[in-house]
């Protein structure tokens, strides 16, 4: 299965359902768009509707749906910044809990937007560390 071969490392460390979502969506997108970046973006969009990135892996969200402005708008022509897998539409309490889990310093005085940015950075650091970069 091509999707299994292209499975990103963050998803290899994630629940089977996240892996299956990415693989099935990726394979379908390859049939529609061909192999490449668009198929990968499509697969990640499907994952982001049910999962959020926490550290170096993906965890189930409390609710299904778009995780940031880009996911809510959709479409290949529309380009808004993404939150890198952080569920930016979650409550501030939820983001605070994720930041606590990732040991983000200064989180208690951060705004919701600051928390999203700090979590995204912490996730990137954890992913680099897990990959050995």
Protein backbone atom coordinates (compact mmCIF):
# COMPACT_ATOMS: atom_id res chain seq x y z
CA UNK A 1 0.00 0.00 0.00
CA UNK A 2 1.63 3.30 -1.10
CA UNK A 3 0.21 5.30 1.83
CA UNK A 4 1.90 2.98 4.32
CA UNK A 5 5.26 3.54 2.59
CA UNK A 6 4.87 7.34 2.68
CA UNK A 7 3.57 7.47 6.27
CA UNK A 8 5.24 10.42 8.05
CA UNK A 9 7.20 9.64 11.21
CA UNK A 10 4.81 11.62 13.42
CA UNK A 11 2.00 9.33 12.30
CA UNK A 12 4.11 6.19 12.81
CA UNK A 13 4.16 7.16 16.51
CA UNK A 14 0.39 7.78 16.56
CA UNK A 15 -2.74 5.65 17.06
CA UNK A 16 -3.63 3.12 14.37
CA UNK A 17 -6.77 5.08 13.48
CA UNK A 18 -4.70 8.19 12.65
CA UNK A 19 -2.40 6.06 10.50
CA UNK A 20 -5.33 4.44 8.71
CA UNK A 21 -7.00 7.83 8.10
CA UNK A 22 -3.81 9.20 6.54
CA UNK A 23 -3.18 6.08 4.42
CA UNK A 24 -6.71 5.78 3.05
CA UNK A 25 -6.98 9.50 2.28
CA UNK A 26 -3.49 9.61 0.77
CA UNK A 27 -4.16 6.63 -1.50
CA UNK A 28 -7.45 8.11 -2.66
CA UNK A 29 -5.82 11.50 -3.28
CA UNK A 30 -3.02 9.85 -5.29
CA UNK A 31 -5.67 8.33 -7.55
CA UNK A 32 -7.25 11.77 -7.99
CA UNK A 33 -4.27 14.16 -8.03
CA UNK A 34 -1.26 11.91 -8.53
CA UNK A 35 1.64 11.42 -6.12
CA UNK A 36 3.05 14.55 -4.54
CA UNK A 37 2.51 17.44 -2.19
CA UNK A 38 -1.22 17.84 -2.90
CA UNK A 39 -1.89 14.21 -1.92
CA UNK A 40 0.09 14.66 1.29
CA UNK A 41 -1.73 17.92 2.17
CA UNK A 42 -5.07 16.23 1.54
CA UNK A 43 -4.14 13.31 3.80
CA UNK A 44 -2.97 15.63 6.60
CA UNK A 45 -6.19 17.65 6.31
CA UNK A 46 -8.18 14.47 6.97
CA UNK A 47 -6.01 13.63 9.98
CA UNK A 48 -6.38 17.16 11.39
CA UNK A 49 -10.17 16.83 11.43
CA UNK A 50 -9.97 14.06 14.04
CA UNK A 51 -6.51 14.42 15.60
CA UNK A 52 -4.20 17.12 16.90
CA UNK A 53 -0.43 17.10 17.05
CA UNK A 54 0.93 16.84 20.58
CA UNK A 55 4.69 16.70 20.74
CA UNK A 56 6.02 14.17 18.22
CA UNK A 57 2.73 12.35 17.52
CA UNK A 58 -1.00 12.81 16.89
CA UNK A 59 -3.72 12.33 19.54
CA UNK A 60 -7.51 12.19 19.12
CA UNK A 61 -9.29 15.53 19.48
CA UNK A 62 -12.28 15.90 21.74
CA UNK A 63 -14.42 16.79 18.73
CA UNK A 64 -14.26 16.35 14.98
CA UNK A 65 -13.87 19.33 12.70
CA UNK A 66 -11.43 21.88 11.32
CA UNK A 67 -8.47 22.70 13.53
CA UNK A 68 -7.51 26.11 12.17
CA UNK A 69 -8.53 28.87 9.75
CA UNK A 70 -7.02 27.10 6.73
CA UNK A 71 -8.87 23.85 7.45
CA UNK A 72 -12.15 25.69 7.90
CA UNK A 73 -11.79 27.51 4.57
CA UNK A 74 -10.44 24.60 2.57
CA UNK A 75 -9.74 24.50 -1.12
CA UNK A 76 -6.39 24.42 -2.90
CA UNK A 77 -6.55 28.07 -4.00
CA UNK A 78 -7.13 29.45 -0.52
CA UNK A 79 -3.87 29.78 1.38
CA UNK A 80 -4.05 30.83 5.00
CA UNK A 81 -1.44 29.94 7.59
CA UNK A 82 -1.98 26.62 9.33
CA UNK A 83 -1.33 25.91 12.99
CA UNK A 84 0.86 22.92 12.18
CA UNK A 85 -1.51 20.36 13.62
CA UNK A 86 -2.37 22.35 16.74
CA UNK A 87 -6.13 22.50 17.30
CA UNK A 88 -6.32 26.30 17.21
CA UNK A 89 -10.13 26.10 17.41
CA UNK A 90 -9.98 24.35 20.79
CA UNK A 91 -10.75 26.18 24.01
CA UNK A 92 -8.04 28.06 25.86
CA UNK A 93 -8.39 25.54 28.70
CA UNK A 94 -7.65 22.69 26.31
CA UNK A 95 -4.66 24.52 24.83
CA UNK A 96 -3.41 25.22 28.36
CA UNK A 97 -3.63 21.48 29.15
CA UNK A 98 -1.65 20.62 26.00
CA UNK A 99 0.95 23.28 26.84
CA UNK A 100 1.22 21.84 30.36
CA UNK A 101 1.72 18.35 28.92
CA UNK A 102 4.49 19.71 26.67
CA UNK A 103 5.97 21.75 29.58
CA UNK A 104 5.73 25.05 27.69
CA UNK A 105 7.34 27.74 29.86
CA UNK A 106 5.33 30.89 30.63
CA UNK A 107 2.06 29.29 29.55
CA UNK A 108 0.03 30.72 32.44
CA UNK A 109 0.36 34.27 31.13
CA UNK A 110 -0.16 33.48 27.42
CA UNK A 111 -3.12 34.42 25.30
CA UNK A 112 -4.88 31.76 23.26
CA UNK A 113 -2.96 32.83 20.15
CA UNK A 114 0.33 32.73 22.07
CA UNK A 115 -0.50 29.21 23.29
CA UNK A 116 -1.12 27.99 19.73
CA UNK A 117 2.23 29.38 18.60
CA UNK A 118 4.10 28.01 21.64
CA UNK A 119 2.53 24.54 21.24
CA UNK A 120 3.41 24.52 17.54
CA UNK A 121 7.04 25.32 18.40
CA UNK A 122 7.12 22.68 21.16
CA UNK A 123 5.68 20.12 18.73
CA UNK A 124 8.35 20.97 16.15
CA UNK A 125 11.11 20.58 18.76
CA UNK A 126 9.72 17.22 19.90
CA UNK A 127 9.45 15.99 16.31
CA UNK A 128 13.03 17.03 15.50
CA UNK A 129 14.24 15.29 18.65
CA UNK A 130 12.30 12.10 17.82
CA UNK A 131 13.76 12.08 14.32
CA UNK A 132 17.26 12.65 15.66
CA UNK A 133 17.65 15.99 13.83
